[in-house]
Amino acid sequence: TAVVIIPVGSVRYIKYLVPFSFIAILCLLFGC
């Protein structure tokens, strides 16, 4: 998991995490 966790966890500024949150929401909504 370090291969994907380190890049995702290294994003410093929260505005650059918006795409990640958007994808996460879509994934969970599709799952639901």
PDB file of all heavy atoms in Angstrom:
ATOM      1  N   THR A   1       0.825  -1.220   0.000  1.00  0.00           N
ATOM      2  CA  THR A   1       0.000   0.000   0.000  1.00  0.00           C
ATOM      3  C   THR A   1       0.853   1.262   0.000  1.00  0.00           C
ATOM      4  O   THR A   1       0.370   2.328  -0.385  1.00  0.00           O
ATOM      5  CB  THR A   1      -0.934   0.041   1.223  1.00  0.00           C
ATOM      6  OG1 THR A   1      -0.150   0.030   2.429  1.00  0.00           O
ATOM      7  CG2 THR A   1      -1.906  -1.119   1.232  1.00  0.00           C
ATOM      8  N   ALA A   2       2.129   1.133   0.421  1.00  0.00           N
ATOM      9  CA  ALA A   2       3.018   2.307   0.438  1.00  0.00           C
ATOM     10  C   ALA A   2       3.129   2.944  -0.939  1.00  0.00           C
ATOM     11  O   ALA A   2       3.303   4.169  -1.064  1.00  0.00           O
ATOM     12  CB  ALA A   2       4.401   1.907   0.952  1.00  0.00           C
ATOM     13  N   VAL A   3       2.997   2.133  -1.993  1.00  0.00           N
ATOM     14  CA  VAL A   3       3.126   2.630  -3.367  1.00  0.00           C
ATOM     15  C   VAL A   3       2.072   3.695  -3.672  1.00  0.00           C
ATOM     16  O   VAL A   3       2.346   4.666  -4.370  1.00  0.00           O
ATOM     17  CB  VAL A   3       3.004   1.465  -4.374  1.00  0.00           C
ATOM     18  CG1 VAL A   3       3.055   1.974  -5.811  1.00  0.00           C
ATOM     19  CG2 VAL A   3       4.101   0.445  -4.131  1.00  0.00           C
ATOM     20  N   VAL A   4       0.869   3.518  -3.116  1.00  0.00           N
ATOM     21  CA  VAL A   4      -0.204   4.489  -3.375  1.00  0.00           C
ATOM     22  C   VAL A   4      -0.434   5.436  -2.190  1.00  0.00           C
ATOM     23  O   VAL A   4      -0.829   6.595  -2.381  1.00  0.00           O
ATOM     24  CB  VAL A   4      -1.525   3.760  -3.717  1.00  0.00           C
ATOM     25  CG1 VAL A   4      -1.450   3.160  -5.094  1.00  0.00           C
ATOM     26  CG2 VAL A   4      -1.854   2.698  -2.672  1.00  0.00           C
ATOM     27  N   ILE A   5      -0.188   4.953  -0.984  1.00  0.00           N
ATOM     28  CA  ILE A   5      -0.460   5.766   0.201  1.00  0.00           C
ATOM     29  C   ILE A   5       0.500   6.948   0.317  1.00  0.00           C
ATOM     30  O   ILE A   5       0.096   8.070   0.641  1.00  0.00           O
ATOM     31  CB  ILE A   5      -0.394   4.901   1.486  1.00  0.00           C
ATOM     32  CG1 ILE A   5      -1.615   3.988   1.568  1.00  0.00           C
ATOM     33  CG2 ILE A   5      -0.295   5.765   2.733  1.00  0.00           C
ATOM     34  CD1 ILE A   5      -2.922   4.721   1.778  1.00  0.00           C
ATOM     35  N   ILE A   6       1.783   6.732   0.050  1.00  0.00           N
ATOM     36  CA  ILE A   6       2.765   7.812   0.198  1.00  0.00           C
ATOM     37  C   ILE A   6       2.470   8.977  -0.749  1.00  0.00           C
ATOM     38  O   ILE A   6       2.462  10.142  -0.312  1.00  0.00           O
ATOM     39  CB  ILE A   6       4.204   7.281   0.017  1.00  0.00           C
ATOM     40  CG1 ILE A   6       4.577   6.398   1.213  1.00  0.00           C
ATOM     41  CG2 ILE A   6       5.205   8.423  -0.124  1.00  0.00           C
ATOM     42  CD1 ILE A   6       5.958   5.768   1.127  1.00  0.00           C
ATOM     43  N   PRO A   7       2.199   8.748  -2.048  1.00  0.00           N
ATOM     44  CA  PRO A   7       1.845   9.894  -2.911  1.00  0.00           C
ATOM     45  C   PRO A   7       0.580  10.624  -2.460  1.00  0.00           C
ATOM     46  O   PRO A   7       0.549  11.861  -2.440  1.00  0.00           O
ATOM     47  CB  PRO A   7       1.658   9.253  -4.284  1.00  0.00           C
ATOM     48  CG  PRO A   7       2.444   7.994  -4.241  1.00  0.00           C
ATOM     49  CD  PRO A   7       2.328   7.505  -2.827  1.00  0.00           C
ATOM     50  N   VAL A   8      -0.466   9.863  -2.104  1.00  0.00           N
ATOM     51  CA  VAL A   8      -1.720  10.491  -1.680  1.00  0.00           C
ATOM     52  C   VAL A   8      -1.533  11.257  -0.374  1.00  0.00           C
ATOM     53  O   VAL A   8      -2.020  12.382  -0.210  1.00  0.00           O
ATOM     54  CB  VAL A   8      -2.833   9.429  -1.516  1.00  0.00           C
ATOM     55  CG1 VAL A   8      -4.083  10.042  -0.890  1.00  0.00           C
ATOM     56  CG2 VAL A   8      -3.173   8.806  -2.863  1.00  0.00           C
ATOM     57  N   GLY A   9      -0.791  10.657   0.559  1.00  0.00           N
ATOM     58  CA  GLY A   9      -0.592  11.289   1.869  1.00  0.00           C
ATOM     59  C   GLY A   9       0.397  12.430   1.869  1.00  0.00           C
ATOM     60  O   GLY A   9       0.501  13.161   2.852  1.00  0.00           O
ATOM     61  N   SER A  10       1.148  12.599   0.771  1.00  0.00           N
ATOM     62  CA  SER A  10       2.160  13.653   0.715  1.00  0.00           C
ATOM     63  C   SER A  10       1.631  14.980   0.182  1.00  0.00           C
ATOM     64  O   SER A  10       2.364  15.963   0.139  1.00  0.00           O
ATOM     65  CB  SER A  10       3.343  13.211  -0.156  1.00  0.00           C
ATOM     66  OG  SER A  10       3.978  12.077   0.409  1.00  0.00           O
ATOM     67  N   VAL A  11       0.369  15.005  -0.238  1.00  0.00           N
ATOM     68  CA  VAL A  11      -0.218  16.254  -0.748  1.00  0.00           C
ATOM     69  C   VAL A  11      -0.402  17.213   0.422  1.00  0.00           C
ATOM     70  O   VAL A  11      -1.144  16.934   1.359  1.00  0.00           O
ATOM     71  CB  VAL A  11      -1.563  15.989  -1.445  1.00  0.00           C
ATOM     72  CG1 VAL A  11      -2.171  17.301  -1.938  1.00  0.00           C
ATOM     73  CG2 VAL A  11      -1.372  15.027  -2.614  1.00  0.00           C
ATOM     74  N   ARG A  12       0.274  18.343   0.348  1.00  0.00           N
ATOM     75  CA  ARG A  12       0.300  19.257   1.488  1.00  0.00           C
ATOM     76  C   ARG A  12      -0.933  20.152   1.580  1.00  0.00           C
ATOM     77  O   ARG A  12      -1.521  20.291   2.652  1.00  0.00           O
ATOM     78  CB  ARG A  12       1.558  20.133   1.419  1.00  0.00           C
ATOM     79  CG  ARG A  12       1.631  21.159   2.540  1.00  0.00           C
ATOM     80  CD  ARG A  12       2.966  21.876   2.565  1.00  0.00           C
ATOM     81  NE  ARG A  12       3.096  22.724   3.749  1.00  0.00           N
ATOM     82  CZ  ARG A  12       4.204  23.378   4.088  1.00  0.00           C
ATOM     83  NH1 ARG A  12       5.283  23.261   3.328  1.00  0.00           N
ATOM     84  NH2 ARG A  12       4.242  24.126   5.182  1.00  0.00           N
ATOM     85  N   TYR A  13      -1.302  20.766   0.463  1.00  0.00           N
ATOM     86  CA  TYR A  13      -2.367  21.769   0.499  1.00  0.00           C
ATOM     87  C   TYR A  13      -3.710  21.132   0.197  1.00  0.00           C
ATOM     88  O   TYR A  13      -3.874  20.407  -0.780  1.00  0.00           O
ATOM     89  CB  TYR A  13      -2.061  22.896  -0.485  1.00  0.00           C
ATOM     90  CG  TYR A  13      -0.791  23.635  -0.122  1.00  0.00           C
ATOM     91  CD1 TYR A  13       0.363  23.455  -0.866  1.00  0.00           C
ATOM     92  CD2 TYR A  13      -0.743  24.471   0.987  1.00  0.00           C
ATOM     93  CE1 TYR A  13       1.540  24.115  -0.529  1.00  0.00           C
ATOM     94  CE2 TYR A  13       0.428  25.122   1.336  1.00  0.00           C
ATOM     95  CZ  TYR A  13       1.559  24.943   0.580  1.00  0.00           C
ATOM     96  OH  TYR A  13       2.716  25.581   0.924  1.00  0.00           O
ATOM     97  N   ILE A  14      -4.674  21.463   1.017  1.00  0.00           N
ATOM     98  CA  ILE A  14      -5.953  20.769   0.985  1.00  0.00           C
ATOM     99  C   ILE A  14      -6.722  21.031  -0.304  1.00  0.00           C
ATOM    100  O   ILE A  14      -7.531  20.217  -0.735  1.00  0.00           O
ATOM    101  CB  ILE A  14      -6.788  21.164   2.231  1.00  0.00           C
ATOM    102  CG1 ILE A  14      -7.891  20.140   2.474  1.00  0.00           C
ATOM    103  CG2 ILE A  14      -7.354  22.560   2.083  1.00  0.00           C
ATOM    104  CD1 ILE A  14      -8.561  20.310   3.815  1.00  0.00           C
ATOM    105  N   LYS A  15      -6.450  22.161  -0.973  1.00  0.00           N
ATOM    106  CA  LYS A  15      -7.182  22.440  -2.206  1.00  0.00           C
ATOM    107  C   LYS A  15      -6.807  21.443  -3.307  1.00  0.00           C
ATOM    108  O   LYS A  15      -7.591  21.167  -4.209  1.00  0.00           O
ATOM    109  CB  LYS A  15      -6.946  23.871  -2.684  1.00  0.00           C
ATOM    110  CG  LYS A  15      -5.622  24.148  -3.348  1.00  0.00           C
ATOM    111  CD  LYS A  15      -5.625  25.547  -3.951  1.00  0.00           C
ATOM    112  CE  LYS A  15      -4.355  25.820  -4.745  1.00  0.00           C
ATOM    113  NZ  LYS A  15      -4.380  27.143  -5.384  1.00  0.00           N
ATOM    114  N   TYR A  16      -5.592  20.877  -3.222  1.00  0.00           N
ATOM    115  CA  TYR A  16      -5.173  19.885  -4.214  1.00  0.00           C
ATOM    116  C   TYR A  16      -5.749  18.503  -3.933  1.00  0.00           C
ATOM    117  O   TYR A  16      -5.572  17.577  -4.733  1.00  0.00           O
ATOM    118  CB  TYR A  16      -3.646  19.819  -4.278  1.00  0.00           C
ATOM    119  CG  TYR A  16      -3.008  21.123  -4.685  1.00  0.00           C
ATOM    120  CD1 TYR A  16      -2.039  21.722  -3.897  1.00  0.00           C
ATOM    121  CD2 TYR A  16      -3.396  21.776  -5.850  1.00  0.00           C
ATOM    122  CE1 TYR A  16      -1.456  22.931  -4.261  1.00  0.00           C
ATOM    123  CE2 TYR A  16      -2.820  22.985  -6.226  1.00  0.00           C
ATOM    124  CZ  TYR A  16      -1.859  23.559  -5.428  1.00  0.00           C
ATOM    125  OH  TYR A  16      -1.303  24.757  -5.796  1.00  0.00           O
ATOM    126  N   LEU A  17      -6.423  18.368  -2.788  1.00  0.00           N
ATOM    127  CA  LEU A  17      -7.055  17.097  -2.453  1.00  0.00           C
ATOM    128  C   LEU A  17      -8.504  17.029  -2.927  1.00  0.00           C
ATOM    129  O   LEU A  17      -9.160  15.997  -2.761  1.00  0.00           O
ATOM    130  CB  LEU A  17      -7.022  16.876  -0.935  1.00  0.00           C
ATOM    131  CG  LEU A  17      -5.652  16.580  -0.318  1.00  0.00           C
ATOM    132  CD1 LEU A  17      -5.753  16.600   1.206  1.00  0.00           C
ATOM    133  CD2 LEU A  17      -5.110  15.242  -0.791  1.00  0.00           C
ATOM    134  N   VAL A  18      -9.013  18.125  -3.499  1.00  0.00           N
ATOM    135  CA  VAL A  18     -10.403  18.147  -3.961  1.00  0.00           C
ATOM    136  C   VAL A  18     -10.701  17.019  -4.946  1.00  0.00           C
ATOM    137  O   VAL A  18     -11.712  16.314  -4.806  1.00  0.00           O
ATOM    138  CB  VAL A  18     -10.752  19.524  -4.570  1.00  0.00           C
ATOM    139  CG1 VAL A  18     -12.134  19.475  -5.233  1.00  0.00           C
ATOM    140  CG2 VAL A  18     -10.732  20.604  -3.493  1.00  0.00           C
ATOM    141  N   PRO A  19      -9.841  16.782  -5.975  1.00  0.00           N
ATOM    142  CA  PRO A  19     -10.127  15.650  -6.882  1.00  0.00           C
ATOM    143  C   PRO A  19     -10.190  14.304  -6.171  1.00  0.00           C
ATOM    144  O   PRO A  19     -11.017  13.447  -6.524  1.00  0.00           O
ATOM    145  CB  PRO A  19      -8.942  15.694  -7.872  1.00  0.00           C
ATOM    146  CG  PRO A  19      -8.446  17.096  -7.812  1.00  0.00           C
ATOM    147  CD  PRO A  19      -8.652  17.528  -6.399  1.00  0.00           C
ATOM    148  N   PHE A  20      -9.320  14.121  -5.154  1.00  0.00           N
ATOM    149  CA  PHE A  20      -9.340  12.869  -4.402  1.00  0.00           C
ATOM    150  C   PHE A  20     -10.665  12.699  -3.657  1.00  0.00           C
ATOM    151  O   PHE A  20     -11.248  11.612  -3.639  1.00  0.00           O
ATOM    152  CB  PHE A  20      -8.175  12.822  -3.414  1.00  0.00           C
ATOM    153  CG  PHE A  20      -6.825  12.722  -4.062  1.00  0.00           C
ATOM    154  CD1 PHE A  20      -6.023  13.842  -4.205  1.00  0.00           C
ATOM    155  CD2 PHE A  20      -6.355  11.514  -4.551  1.00  0.00           C
ATOM    156  CE1 PHE A  20      -4.778  13.765  -4.808  1.00  0.00           C
ATOM    157  CE2 PHE A  20      -5.112  11.412  -5.157  1.00  0.00           C
ATOM    158  CZ  PHE A  20      -4.320  12.553  -5.288  1.00  0.00           C
ATOM    159  N   SER A  21     -11.140  13.789  -3.033  1.00  0.00           N
ATOM    160  CA  SER A  21     -12.421  13.724  -2.322  1.00  0.00           C
ATOM    161  C   SER A  21     -13.565  13.454  -3.286  1.00  0.00           C
ATOM    162  O   SER A  21     -14.489  12.690  -2.980  1.00  0.00           O
ATOM    163  CB  SER A  21     -12.672  15.038  -1.562  1.00  0.00           C
ATOM    164  OG  SER A  21     -11.839  15.133  -0.435  1.00  0.00           O
ATOM    165  N   PHE A  22     -13.499  14.075  -4.459  1.00  0.00           N
ATOM    166  CA  PHE A  22     -14.546  13.877  -5.454  1.00  0.00           C
ATOM    167  C   PHE A  22     -14.594  12.418  -5.910  1.00  0.00           C
ATOM    168  O   PHE A  22     -15.667  11.807  -5.982  1.00  0.00           O
ATOM    169  CB  PHE A  22     -14.301  14.804  -6.649  1.00  0.00           C
ATOM    170  CG  PHE A  22     -15.355  14.698  -7.719  1.00  0.00           C
ATOM    171  CD1 PHE A  22     -16.643  15.158  -7.495  1.00  0.00           C
ATOM    172  CD2 PHE A  22     -15.057  14.137  -8.944  1.00  0.00           C
ATOM    173  CE1 PHE A  22     -17.624  15.058  -8.474  1.00  0.00           C
ATOM    174  CE2 PHE A  22     -16.025  14.029  -9.935  1.00  0.00           C
ATOM    175  CZ  PHE A  22     -17.309  14.492  -9.699  1.00  0.00           C
ATOM    176  N   ILE A  23     -13.421  11.848  -6.202  1.00  0.00           N
ATOM    177  CA  ILE A  23     -13.354  10.441  -6.629  1.00  0.00           C
ATOM    178  C   ILE A  23     -13.818   9.523  -5.497  1.00  0.00           C
ATOM    179  O   ILE A  23     -14.527   8.534  -5.722  1.00  0.00           O
ATOM    180  CB  ILE A  23     -11.921  10.075  -7.062  1.00  0.00           C
ATOM    181  CG1 ILE A  23     -11.531  10.877  -8.316  1.00  0.00           C
ATOM    182  CG2 ILE A  23     -11.810   8.580  -7.351  1.00  0.00           C
ATOM    183  CD1 ILE A  23     -10.078  10.722  -8.703  1.00  0.00           C
ATOM    184  N   ALA A  24     -13.418   9.850  -4.261  1.00  0.00           N
ATOM    185  CA  ALA A  24     -13.818   9.031  -3.110  1.00  0.00           C
ATOM    186  C   ALA A  24     -15.332   9.022  -2.955  1.00  0.00           C
ATOM    187  O   ALA A  24     -15.940   7.973  -2.691  1.00  0.00           O
ATOM    188  CB  ALA A  24     -13.155   9.562  -1.835  1.00  0.00           C
ATOM    189  N   ILE A  25     -15.958  10.191  -3.115  1.00  0.00           N
ATOM    190  CA  ILE A  25     -17.417  10.284  -3.010  1.00  0.00           C
ATOM    191  C   ILE A  25     -18.076   9.444  -4.098  1.00  0.00           C
ATOM    192  O   ILE A  25     -19.023   8.692  -3.839  1.00  0.00           O
ATOM    193  CB  ILE A  25     -17.871  11.755  -3.098  1.00  0.00           C
ATOM    194  CG1 ILE A  25     -17.407  12.531  -1.854  1.00  0.00           C
ATOM    195  CG2 ILE A  25     -19.398  11.837  -3.213  1.00  0.00           C
ATOM    196  CD1 ILE A  25     -17.582  14.033  -1.995  1.00  0.00           C
ATOM    197  N   LEU A  26     -17.579   9.555  -5.329  1.00  0.00           N
ATOM    198  CA  LEU A  26     -18.148   8.787  -6.433  1.00  0.00           C
ATOM    199  C   LEU A  26     -18.027   7.284  -6.190  1.00  0.00           C
ATOM    200  O   LEU A  26     -18.970   6.523  -6.434  1.00  0.00           O
ATOM    201  CB  LEU A  26     -17.450   9.153  -7.748  1.00  0.00           C
ATOM    202  CG  LEU A  26     -17.761  10.534  -8.341  1.00  0.00           C
ATOM    203  CD1 LEU A  26     -17.004  10.724  -9.648  1.00  0.00           C
ATOM    204  CD2 LEU A  26     -19.264  10.702  -8.568  1.00  0.00           C
ATOM    205  N   CYS A  27     -16.851   6.865  -5.706  1.00  0.00           N
ATOM    206  CA  CYS A  27     -16.642   5.437  -5.436  1.00  0.00           C
ATOM    207  C   CYS A  27     -17.631   4.908  -4.413  1.00  0.00           C
ATOM    208  O   CYS A  27     -18.235   3.837  -4.594  1.00  0.00           O
ATOM    209  CB  CYS A  27     -15.212   5.189  -4.958  1.00  0.00           C
ATOM    210  SG  CYS A  27     -13.951   5.335  -6.243  1.00  0.00           S
ATOM    211  N   LEU A  28     -17.802   5.665  -3.323  1.00  0.00           N
ATOM    212  CA  LEU A  28     -18.707   5.202  -2.275  1.00  0.00           C
ATOM    213  C   LEU A  28     -20.157   5.231  -2.749  1.00  0.00           C
ATOM    214  O   LEU A  28     -20.942   4.332  -2.436  1.00  0.00           O
ATOM    215  CB  LEU A  28     -18.542   6.040  -1.012  1.00  0.00           C
ATOM    216  CG  LEU A  28     -19.235   5.475   0.233  1.00  0.00           C
ATOM    217  CD1 LEU A  28     -18.701   4.088   0.563  1.00  0.00           C
ATOM    218  CD2 LEU A  28     -19.032   6.394   1.427  1.00  0.00           C
ATOM    219  N   LEU A  29     -20.515   6.257  -3.518  1.00  0.00           N
ATOM    220  CA  LEU A  29     -21.884   6.340  -4.021  1.00  0.00           C
ATOM    221  C   LEU A  29     -22.186   5.195  -4.986  1.00  0.00           C
ATOM    222  O   LEU A  29     -23.280   4.621  -4.969  1.00  0.00           O
ATOM    223  CB  LEU A  29     -22.116   7.695  -4.699  1.00  0.00           C
ATOM    224  CG  LEU A  29     -22.170   8.907  -3.766  1.00  0.00           C
ATOM    225  CD1 LEU A  29     -22.399  10.180  -4.564  1.00  0.00           C
ATOM    226  CD2 LEU A  29     -23.261   8.748  -2.706  1.00  0.00           C
ATOM    227  N   PHE A  30     -21.206   4.860  -5.841  1.00  0.00           N
ATOM    228  CA  PHE A  30     -21.389   3.718  -6.735  1.00  0.00           C
ATOM    229  C   PHE A  30     -21.525   2.427  -5.926  1.00  0.00           C
ATOM    230  O   PHE A  30     -22.356   1.556  -6.245  1.00  0.00           O
ATOM    231  CB  PHE A  30     -20.213   3.607  -7.709  1.00  0.00           C
ATOM    232  CG  PHE A  30     -20.376   4.442  -8.944  1.00  0.00           C
ATOM    233  CD1 PHE A  30     -19.466   5.438  -9.242  1.00  0.00           C
ATOM    234  CD2 PHE A  30     -21.446   4.235  -9.804  1.00  0.00           C
ATOM    235  CE1 PHE A  30     -19.620   6.224 -10.379  1.00  0.00           C
ATOM    236  CE2 PHE A  30     -21.610   5.010 -10.948  1.00  0.00           C
ATOM    237  CZ  PHE A  30     -20.691   6.007 -11.240  1.00  0.00           C
ATOM    238  N   GLY A  31     -20.698   2.295  -4.879  1.00  0.00           N
ATOM    239  CA  GLY A  31     -20.789   1.118  -4.018  1.00  0.00           C
ATOM    240  C   GLY A  31     -22.146   1.025  -3.347  1.00  0.00           C
ATOM    241  O   GLY A  31     -22.764  -0.052  -3.303  1.00  0.00           O
ATOM    242  N   CYS A  32     -22.627   2.153  -2.829  1.00  0.00           N
ATOM    243  CA  CYS A  32     -23.943   2.175  -2.184  1.00  0.00           C
ATOM    244  C   CYS A  32     -25.057   1.891  -3.191  1.00  0.00           C
ATOM    245  O   CYS A  32     -26.072   1.270  -2.849  1.00  0.00           O
ATOM    246  CB  CYS A  32     -24.175   3.537  -1.521  1.00  0.00           C
ATOM    247  SG  CYS A  32     -23.126   3.843  -0.081  1.00  0.00           S
TER     248      CYS A  32
END
